[in-house]
C-alpha atoms as a PDB file:
ATOM      1  CA  UNK A   1     -23.019 -11.069 -33.960  1.00  0.00           C
ATOM      2  CA  UNK A   2     -21.323  -8.902 -31.314  1.00  0.00           C
ATOM      3  CA  UNK A   3     -17.550  -8.605 -31.371  1.00  0.00           C
ATOM      4  CA  UNK A   4     -15.869  -9.556 -28.086  1.00  0.00           C
ATOM      5  CA  UNK A   5     -14.008  -6.562 -26.619  1.00  0.00           C
ATOM      6  CA  UNK A   6     -10.968  -6.774 -24.431  1.00  0.00           C
ATOM      7  CA  UNK A   7     -11.301  -5.097 -21.062  1.00  0.00           C
ATOM      8  CA  UNK A   8      -7.634  -4.087 -20.795  1.00  0.00           C
ATOM      9  CA  UNK A   9      -5.296  -2.869 -23.538  1.00  0.00           C
ATOM     10  CA  UNK A  10      -1.654  -3.869 -23.432  1.00  0.00           C
ATOM     11  CA  UNK A  11       0.828  -1.175 -22.460  1.00  0.00           C
ATOM     12  CA  UNK A  12       2.828   0.408 -25.285  1.00  0.00           C
ATOM     13  CA  UNK A  13       6.059   0.287 -23.249  1.00  0.00           C
ATOM     14  CA  UNK A  14       7.003  -2.590 -20.959  1.00  0.00           C
ATOM     15  CA  UNK A  15       4.935  -5.618 -19.973  1.00  0.00           C
ATOM     16  CA  UNK A  16       1.371  -5.676 -18.725  1.00  0.00           C
ATOM     17  CA  UNK A  17      -1.819  -3.696 -19.067  1.00  0.00           C
ATOM     18  CA  UNK A  18      -2.691  -0.034 -18.866  1.00  0.00           C
ATOM     19  CA  UNK A  19      -5.977   1.654 -18.024  1.00  0.00           C
ATOM     20  CA  UNK A  20      -9.172  -0.303 -18.610  1.00  0.00           C
ATOM     21  CA  UNK A  21     -10.990   0.191 -21.908  1.00  0.00           C
ATOM     22  CA  UNK A  22     -14.469  -0.932 -20.776  1.00  0.00           C
ATOM     23  CA  UNK A  23     -16.675  -0.346 -17.752  1.00  0.00           C
ATOM     24  CA  UNK A  24     -16.137  -3.978 -16.743  1.00  0.00           C
ATOM     25  CA  UNK A  25     -12.409  -3.386 -16.565  1.00  0.00           C
ATOM     26  CA  UNK A  26     -12.892  -0.309 -14.399  1.00  0.00           C
ATOM     27  CA  UNK A  27     -15.133  -2.321 -12.067  1.00  0.00           C
ATOM     28  CA  UNK A  28     -12.343  -4.876 -11.702  1.00  0.00           C
ATOM     29  CA  UNK A  29      -9.779  -2.158 -10.888  1.00  0.00           C
ATOM     30  CA  UNK A  30     -12.137  -0.501  -8.374  1.00  0.00           C
ATOM     31  CA  UNK A  31     -12.934  -3.856  -6.741  1.00  0.00           C
ATOM     32  CA  UNK A  32      -9.199  -4.545  -6.395  1.00  0.00           C
ATOM     33  CA  UNK A  33      -8.691  -1.155  -4.756  1.00  0.00           C
ATOM     34  CA  UNK A  34     -11.612  -1.680  -2.378  1.00  0.00           C
ATOM     35  CA  UNK A  35     -10.328  -5.181  -1.515  1.00  0.00           C
ATOM     36  CA  UNK A  36      -6.849  -3.825  -0.752  1.00  0.00           C
ATOM     37  CA  UNK A  37      -8.187  -0.997   1.438  1.00  0.00           C
ATOM     38  CA  UNK A  38     -10.485  -3.447   3.239  1.00  0.00           C
ATOM     39  CA  UNK A  39      -7.525  -5.773   3.877  1.00  0.00           C
ATOM     40  CA  UNK A  40      -5.446  -2.893   5.254  1.00  0.00           C
ATOM     41  CA  UNK A  41      -8.240  -1.773   7.592  1.00  0.00           C
ATOM     42  CA  UNK A  42      -9.217  -5.275   8.707  1.00  0.00           C
ATOM     43  CA  UNK A  43      -5.752  -6.829   9.040  1.00  0.00           C
ATOM     44  CA  UNK A  44      -3.514  -3.960  10.044  1.00  0.00           C
ATOM     45  CA  UNK A  45      -0.038  -4.560   8.620  1.00  0.00           C
ATOM     46  CA  UNK A  46       1.609  -3.580  11.916  1.00  0.00           C
ATOM     47  CA  UNK A  47      -0.366  -6.276  13.807  1.00  0.00           C
ATOM     48  CA  UNK A  48      -1.502  -8.948  11.334  1.00  0.00           C
ATOM     49  CA  UNK A  49       1.128  -8.821   8.609  1.00  0.00           C
ATOM     50  CA  UNK A  50       0.716 -12.443   7.376  1.00  0.00           C
ATOM     51  CA  UNK A  51      -3.063 -12.038   6.980  1.00  0.00           C
ATOM     52  CA  UNK A  52      -2.673  -8.669   5.270  1.00  0.00           C
ATOM     53  CA  UNK A  53      -0.065 -10.059   2.859  1.00  0.00           C
ATOM     54  CA  UNK A  54      -2.249 -13.101   2.166  1.00  0.00           C
ATOM     55  CA  UNK A  55      -5.233 -10.918   1.319  1.00  0.00           C
ATOM     56  CA  UNK A  56      -3.272  -8.549  -0.899  1.00  0.00           C
ATOM     57  CA  UNK A  57      -1.451 -11.417  -2.633  1.00  0.00           C
ATOM     58  CA  UNK A  58      -4.746 -13.241  -3.206  1.00  0.00           C
ATOM     59  CA  UNK A  59      -6.371 -10.112  -4.623  1.00  0.00           C
ATOM     60  CA  UNK A  60      -3.370  -9.496  -6.869  1.00  0.00           C
ATOM     61  CA  UNK A  61      -3.503 -13.059  -8.219  1.00  0.00           C
ATOM     62  CA  UNK A  62      -7.210 -12.653  -9.015  1.00  0.00           C
ATOM     63  CA  UNK A  63      -6.509  -9.309 -10.740  1.00  0.00           C
ATOM     64  CA  UNK A  64      -3.716 -10.879 -12.795  1.00  0.00           C
ATOM     65  CA  UNK A  65      -5.942 -13.787 -13.850  1.00  0.00           C
ATOM     66  CA  UNK A  66      -8.769 -11.457 -14.918  1.00  0.00           C
ATOM     67  CA  UNK A  67      -6.292  -9.332 -16.906  1.00  0.00           C
ATOM     68  CA  UNK A  68      -4.869 -12.440 -18.581  1.00  0.00           C
ATOM     69  CA  UNK A  69      -8.340 -13.724 -19.489  1.00  0.00           C
ATOM     70  CA  UNK A  70      -9.984 -10.459 -20.539  1.00  0.00           C
ATOM     71  CA  UNK A  71      -7.046  -8.335 -21.701  1.00  0.00           C
ATOM     72  CA  UNK A  72      -4.808  -8.250 -24.724  1.00  0.00           C
ATOM     73  CA  UNK A  73      -2.016 -10.785 -24.797  1.00  0.00           C
ATOM     74  CA  UNK A  74       0.850  -9.463 -22.655  1.00  0.00           C
ATOM     75  CA  UNK A  75       4.299  -9.159 -24.179  1.00  0.00           C
ATOM     76  CA  UNK A  76       7.308  -6.883 -23.852  1.00  0.00           C
ATOM     77  CA  UNK A  77       6.704  -3.811 -25.964  1.00  0.00           C
ATOM     78  CA  UNK A  78       9.152  -1.048 -26.779  1.00  0.00           C
ATOM     79  CA  UNK A  79       6.862   1.603 -28.201  1.00  0.00           C
ATOM     80  CA  UNK A  80       6.827   1.994 -31.967  1.00  0.00           C
ATOM     81  CA  UNK A  81       9.774  -0.268 -32.707  1.00  0.00           C
END
């Protein structure tokens, strides 16, 4: 039976996740970057700020949910202590 791997390792300092540990995690990060650039080019912040903020907030929520589901459990970490 195959062991389930996490896509994102928890950071060693602070709260959250660091670089992806699998190709699936990198695809998620790249997709988030592409989504954000697309939102900036489609809904220019100087003209369509509410739409731009909605797109970037929506993409950030999706990224956070994927990290919560496929990453290590987040917690405050202080290094080796």
